[in-house]
Each structure stands twice: as C-alpha cells, then as structure tokens.
C-alpha atoms as a PDB file:
ATOM      1  CA  MET A   1      15.488   0.646   6.096  1.00  0.00           C
ATOM      2  CA  CYS A   2      11.966  -0.295   5.139  1.00  0.00           C
ATOM      3  CA  ILE A   3       9.231   0.641   2.732  1.00  0.00           C
ATOM      4  CA  ARG A   4       5.982   1.577   4.420  1.00  0.00           C
ATOM      5  CA  VAL A   5       2.733   1.264   2.489  1.00  0.00           C
ATOM      6  CA  TYR A   6       0.024   3.200   4.305  1.00  0.00           C
ATOM      7  CA  ILE A   7      -3.645   2.360   3.985  1.00  0.00           C
ATOM      8  CA  THR A   8      -5.342   5.629   3.056  1.00  0.00           C
ATOM      9  CA  ASP A   9      -8.876   4.251   3.273  1.00  0.00           C
ATOM     10  CA  THR A  10      -9.819   4.636   6.959  1.00  0.00           C
ATOM     11  CA  ASP A  11     -12.638   2.103   6.588  1.00  0.00           C
ATOM     12  CA  LEU A  12     -10.230  -0.543   5.267  1.00  0.00           C
ATOM     13  CA  GLY A  13      -7.824   0.031   8.157  1.00  0.00           C
ATOM     14  CA  GLU A  14     -10.654  -0.293  10.654  1.00  0.00           C
ATOM     15  CA  LYS A  15     -11.974  -3.447   8.923  1.00  0.00           C
ATOM     16  CA  ILE A  16      -8.538  -5.096   9.105  1.00  0.00           C
ATOM     17  CA  HIS A  17      -8.198  -4.078  12.753  1.00  0.00           C
ATOM     18  CA  ASP A  18     -11.677  -5.455  13.558  1.00  0.00           C
ATOM     19  CA  ILE A  19     -11.131  -8.736  11.689  1.00  0.00           C
ATOM     20  CA  ILE A  20      -7.794  -9.455  13.343  1.00  0.00           C
ATOM     21  CA  ASN A  21      -9.077  -8.514  16.796  1.00  0.00           C
ATOM     22  CA  ASN A  22     -12.547 -10.055  16.446  1.00  0.00           C
ATOM     23  CA  VAL A  23     -13.001 -12.410  19.356  1.00  0.00           C
ATOM     24  CA  THR A  24     -15.734 -14.331  17.533  1.00  0.00           C
ATOM     25  CA  LEU A  25     -13.240 -15.503  14.921  1.00  0.00           C
ATOM     26  CA  ASP A  26     -11.424 -18.765  15.345  1.00  0.00           C
ATOM     27  CA  GLU A  27      -8.613 -18.090  17.846  1.00  0.00           C
ATOM     28  CA  THR A  28      -6.122 -19.636  15.454  1.00  0.00           C
ATOM     29  CA  LEU A  29      -6.567 -16.664  13.114  1.00  0.00           C
ATOM     30  CA  ASN A  30      -5.108 -14.301  15.669  1.00  0.00           C
ATOM     31  CA  LYS A  31      -2.351 -16.773  16.521  1.00  0.00           C
ATOM     32  CA  LEU A  32      -1.607 -17.248  12.836  1.00  0.00           C
ATOM     33  CA  TYR A  33      -1.167 -13.555  12.102  1.00  0.00           C
ATOM     34  CA  TYR A  34      -0.008 -11.949  15.342  1.00  0.00           C
ATOM     35  CA  THR A  35       3.734 -12.037  15.911  1.00  0.00           C
ATOM     36  CA  ASP A  36       4.828  -9.215  18.170  1.00  0.00           C
ATOM     37  CA  SER A  37       3.903  -6.018  19.937  1.00  0.00           C
ATOM     38  CA  LEU A  38       5.951  -2.977  20.878  1.00  0.00           C
ATOM     39  CA  GLN A  39       5.026  -0.053  23.077  1.00  0.00           C
ATOM     40  CA  LYS A  40       6.741   3.297  22.571  1.00  0.00           C
ATOM     41  CA  LYS A  41       6.341   6.639  24.197  1.00  0.00           C
ATOM     42  CA  ILE A  42       6.903   9.353  21.598  1.00  0.00           C
ATOM     43  CA  ILE A  43       7.890  12.786  22.789  1.00  0.00           C
ATOM     44  CA  TYR A  44       7.814  15.867  20.583  1.00  0.00           C
ATOM     45  CA  SER A  45       9.986  18.696  21.852  1.00  0.00           C
ATOM     46  CA  ILE A  46      11.900  21.720  20.629  1.00  0.00           C
ATOM     47  CA  GLU A  47      14.972  19.463  20.544  1.00  0.00           C
ATOM     48  CA  GLY A  48      13.313  16.958  18.180  1.00  0.00           C
ATOM     49  CA  ILE A  49      11.278  13.764  18.253  1.00  0.00           C
ATOM     50  CA  PHE A  50      12.257  11.062  20.734  1.00  0.00           C
ATOM     51  CA  HIS A  51      11.184   7.439  21.180  1.00  0.00           C
ATOM     52  CA  ILE A  52      11.256   5.816  24.582  1.00  0.00           C
ATOM     53  CA  SER A  53      11.034   2.039  24.488  1.00  0.00           C
ATOM     54  CA  ASN A  54      12.495  -0.636  26.759  1.00  0.00           C
ATOM     55  CA  ASN A  55      13.965   2.109  28.985  1.00  0.00           C
ATOM     56  CA  ARG A  56      15.939   3.559  26.066  1.00  0.00           C
ATOM     57  CA  ILE A  57      15.637   7.156  24.882  1.00  0.00           C
ATOM     58  CA  ARG A  58      16.554   7.649  21.229  1.00  0.00           C
ATOM     59  CA  LYS A  59      16.282  10.697  18.986  1.00  0.00           C
ATOM     60  CA  VAL A  60      14.437  10.083  15.722  1.00  0.00           C
ATOM     61  CA  ILE A  61      16.018  11.218  12.468  1.00  0.00           C
ATOM     62  CA  ILE A  62      13.689  11.146   9.460  1.00  0.00           C
ATOM     63  CA  LYS A  63      15.163  11.350   5.970  1.00  0.00           C
ATOM     64  CA  ASP A  64      12.188  12.146   3.783  1.00  0.00           C
ATOM     65  CA  SER A  65      11.794  10.554   0.394  1.00  0.00           C
ATOM     66  CA  GLU A  66       9.190  10.949  -2.305  1.00  0.00           C
ATOM     67  CA  VAL A  67       5.922   9.161  -1.758  1.00  0.00           C
ATOM     68  CA  GLU A  68       3.880   7.425  -4.401  1.00  0.00           C
ATOM     69  CA  THR A  69       0.230   6.441  -4.613  1.00  0.00           C
ATOM     70  CA  ILE A  70      -0.531   2.866  -5.623  1.00  0.00           C
ATOM     71  CA  GLN A  71      -3.822   1.048  -6.044  1.00  0.00           C
ATOM     72  CA  VAL A  72      -4.604  -2.516  -5.034  1.00  0.00           C
ATOM     73  CA  HIS A  73      -8.037  -3.762  -5.946  1.00  0.00           C
ATOM     74  CA  GLN A  74     -10.271  -0.722  -5.279  1.00  0.00           C
ATOM     75  CA  TYR A  75      -8.113   0.619  -2.430  1.00  0.00           C
ATOM     76  CA  ASN A  76      -5.517   3.382  -2.530  1.00  0.00           C
ATOM     77  CA  PHE A  77      -2.245   3.195  -0.626  1.00  0.00           C
ATOM     78  CA  ILE A  78       0.686   5.553  -0.114  1.00  0.00           C
ATOM     79  CA  LEU A  79       4.107   4.015  -0.677  1.00  0.00           C
ATOM     80  CA  ASP A  80       6.725   5.779   1.477  1.00  0.00           C
ATOM     81  CA  LYS A  81      10.450   5.042   1.183  1.00  0.00           C
ATOM     82  CA  SER A  82      11.507   7.628   3.776  1.00  0.00           C
ATOM     83  CA  VAL A  83      14.273   6.403   6.058  1.00  0.00           C
ATOM     84  CA  ILE A  84      13.847   6.515   9.833  1.00  0.00           C
ATOM     85  CA  GLU A  85      17.064   6.350  11.804  1.00  0.00           C
ATOM     86  CA  TYR A  86      17.897   6.786  15.462  1.00  0.00           C
ATOM     87  CA  ASP A  87      20.601   8.838  17.118  1.00  0.00           C
ATOM     88  CA  ASP A  88      22.604   7.448  20.026  1.00  0.00           C
ATOM     89  CA  GLU A  89      20.846   6.879  23.291  1.00  0.00           C
ATOM     90  CA  TYR A  90      20.100   9.833  25.511  1.00  0.00           C
ATOM     91  CA  LEU A  91      20.266   9.566  29.282  1.00  0.00           C
ATOM     92  CA  GLN A  92      17.640  12.225  29.930  1.00  0.00           C
ATOM     93  CA  LEU A  93      15.351  14.720  28.234  1.00  0.00           C
ATOM     94  CA  ASN A  94      14.396  18.261  29.022  1.00  0.00           C
ATOM     95  CA  PRO A  95      11.194  17.941  31.087  1.00  0.00           C
ATOM     96  CA  ASN A  96       9.599  20.814  29.166  1.00  0.00           C
ATOM     97  CA  HIS A  97       8.585  18.692  26.186  1.00  0.00           C
ATOM     98  CA  LEU A  98       5.611  19.715  24.106  1.00  0.00           C
ATOM     99  CA  ILE A  99       3.608  16.558  23.429  1.00  0.00           C
ATOM    100  CA  GLU A 100       3.803  13.021  24.804  1.00  0.00           C
ATOM    101  CA  ASN A 101       1.848  10.074  23.400  1.00  0.00           C
ATOM    102  CA  VAL A 102       1.933   6.334  23.984  1.00  0.00           C
ATOM    103  CA  TYR A 103       1.899   4.201  20.845  1.00  0.00           C
ATOM    104  CA  VAL A 104       1.430   0.444  20.633  1.00  0.00           C
ATOM    105  CA  TYR A 105       2.520  -1.316  17.447  1.00  0.00           C
ATOM    106  CA  ASN A 106       1.047  -4.761  16.778  1.00  0.00           C
ATOM    107  CA  TYR A 107       2.844  -6.748  14.079  1.00  0.00           C
ATOM    108  CA  TYR A 108       1.295  -9.479  11.937  1.00  0.00           C
ATOM    109  CA  THR A 109       3.419 -11.506   9.529  1.00  0.00           C
ATOM    110  CA  ASP A 110       2.583 -15.164   9.015  1.00  0.00           C
ATOM    111  CA  CYS A 111      -0.150 -14.379   6.497  1.00  0.00           C
ATOM    112  CA  PHE A 112       2.585 -13.261   4.083  1.00  0.00           C
ATOM    113  CA  ASN A 113       4.709 -16.397   4.422  1.00  0.00           C
ATOM    114  CA  SER A 114       7.637 -14.040   4.685  1.00  0.00           C
ATOM    115  CA  THR A 115       9.546 -12.350   7.467  1.00  0.00           C
ATOM    116  CA  ASP A 116      10.242  -9.487   5.057  1.00  0.00           C
ATOM    117  CA  THR A 117       6.657  -8.226   5.217  1.00  0.00           C
ATOM    118  CA  LYS A 118       4.581  -7.130   8.194  1.00  0.00           C
ATOM    119  CA  LEU A 119       1.191  -5.627   8.705  1.00  0.00           C
ATOM    120  CA  VAL A 120       1.383  -2.984  11.427  1.00  0.00           C
ATOM    121  CA  ILE A 121      -1.623  -1.831  13.429  1.00  0.00           C
ATOM    122  CA  GLU A 122      -0.618   1.286  15.298  1.00  0.00           C
ATOM    123  CA  LYS A 123      -2.622   2.548  18.244  1.00  0.00           C
ATOM    124  CA  LYS A 124      -2.142   5.981  19.758  1.00  0.00           C
ATOM    125  CA  ASN A 125      -3.274   6.387  23.358  1.00  0.00           C
ATOM    126  CA  ASN A 126      -5.240   3.123  22.987  1.00  0.00           C
ATOM    127  CA  LYS A 127      -7.131   4.134  19.797  1.00  0.00           C
ATOM    128  CA  LEU A 128      -6.520   2.939  16.240  1.00  0.00           C
ATOM    129  CA  HIS A 129      -4.132   5.449  14.671  1.00  0.00           C
ATOM    130  CA  GLU A 130      -2.740   3.911  11.475  1.00  0.00           C
ATOM    131  CA  THR A 131      -2.594   0.655   9.588  1.00  0.00           C
ATOM    132  CA  TYR A 132       0.232  -0.013   7.162  1.00  0.00           C
ATOM    133  CA  PHE A 133       2.412  -2.664   5.590  1.00  0.00           C
ATOM    134  CA  LEU A 134       6.127  -2.735   6.298  1.00  0.00           C
ATOM    135  CA  PHE A 135       8.423  -4.271   3.677  1.00  0.00           C
ATOM    136  CA  ASN A 136      12.041  -4.925   4.677  1.00  0.00           C
ATOM    137  CA  ASN A 137      13.126  -5.302   1.059  1.00  0.00           C
ATOM    138  CA  THR A 138      13.679  -1.703  -0.066  1.00  0.00           C
ATOM    139  CA  ASN A 139      14.389  -2.878  -3.617  1.00  0.00           C
ATOM    140  CA  ALA A 140      11.146  -4.807  -3.975  1.00  0.00           C
ATOM    141  CA  ASP A 141       9.285  -4.402  -7.229  1.00  0.00           C
ATOM    142  CA  ILE A 142       6.037  -2.459  -6.876  1.00  0.00           C
ATOM    143  CA  ASP A 143       4.088  -5.268  -8.562  1.00  0.00           C
ATOM    144  CA  ILE A 144       5.358  -7.706  -5.926  1.00  0.00           C
ATOM    145  CA  LEU A 145       4.311  -5.296  -3.158  1.00  0.00           C
ATOM    146  CA  LYS A 146       0.860  -4.989  -4.719  1.00  0.00           C
ATOM    147  CA  LYS A 147       0.530  -8.762  -5.067  1.00  0.00           C
ATOM    148  CA  THR A 148       1.490  -9.284  -1.412  1.00  0.00           C
ATOM    149  CA  ILE A 149      -1.070  -6.731  -0.236  1.00  0.00           C
ATOM    150  CA  HIS A 150      -3.739  -8.181  -2.542  1.00  0.00           C
ATOM    151  CA  THR A 151      -3.103 -11.698  -1.202  1.00  0.00           C
ATOM    152  CA  PHE A 152      -3.501 -10.465   2.353  1.00  0.00           C
ATOM    153  CA  LEU A 153      -6.753  -8.650   1.519  1.00  0.00           C
ATOM    154  CA  LEU A 154      -8.061 -11.819  -0.161  1.00  0.00           C
ATOM    155  CA  GLU A 155      -7.232 -13.896   2.933  1.00  0.00           C
ATOM    156  CA  LEU A 156      -9.385 -11.529   5.009  1.00  0.00           C
ATOM    157  CA  ASN A 157     -12.181 -11.490   2.406  1.00  0.00           C
ATOM    158  CA  LEU A 158     -11.769  -7.757   1.793  1.00  0.00           C
ATOM    159  CA  CYS A 159     -11.679  -7.999  -2.008  1.00  0.00           C
END
C-alpha cells in the first residue's frame, strides 16, 4: 500500500521530465536519481483492468479512498490513498478486450535519501502521461510529505 501524490500542474510534470532526461545535464544527475524502470501492458476489458508485466497477467483491484489537495510552494498536488491490489495470476484473457496501452514507469529515488519515496514518471505509448510521488509509508504525516516534495523541487531548481 502506498500514497500517491500526483502533480496536477502539467507544466511542472513536463519540467521534471525534461530536467531528468536532459542529455545536456551532467550524466551523474540521471545516475543519481534513476533507479528502475518497469514496462506494463494495461488492458481494459468488460472483465476488468489487467496488467501484463514480466509475462504475468494480473487483474487490478482498486479500492478507492478520498483524495486531498495539498500545496507545496506554488504548486498543487493531489494526495491519493487509494489501494491498488492484484488478483491471482490469469493464464489467458478474452481476446475481445476494449483498450490496450503500453506504459513505462521510470522510478527515481536517491534524491530523497530514502527508499520509502519515489518519483514516478509514467509514459503511455511512449508519451509523458503522469508524474507523481510514491510514498511507501501510508502513515506519513502530510507535513513530512510536503517537505520531501519541496526538497526535491529545490534540488531541481523548480522553486
């Protein structure tokens, strides 16, 4: 279970994406922040939402929770404590699915000095889709979350 803090300002998400992926920056910046990448195929069908990753098919179960708006510096974020779980593996899917997209999730963590916090840059069909922070500590104080995000923005000279 994680807390996701979505960047609602599209310009900020694009700026973070550009800074981290800017080839003119010192290469150590990318090495410092980048930790992992995951590719998933997401299928939307009448039977539900399914993730296919590493040759595993899993049904997604989303338990919605209330969302909250928070502000860090001049930027607005949406704090989402919804729980995403996965059903047992499926061996096959009905081929008559509705929508199929390929998502790539790039994770960046070292800038937080913590394995409990990640910046996620999500690309859908090779285009920037969303940028958000992922906090593994579901009991984290909102002020601590804000401070972590603010520190990251400062490191990238975005505030």
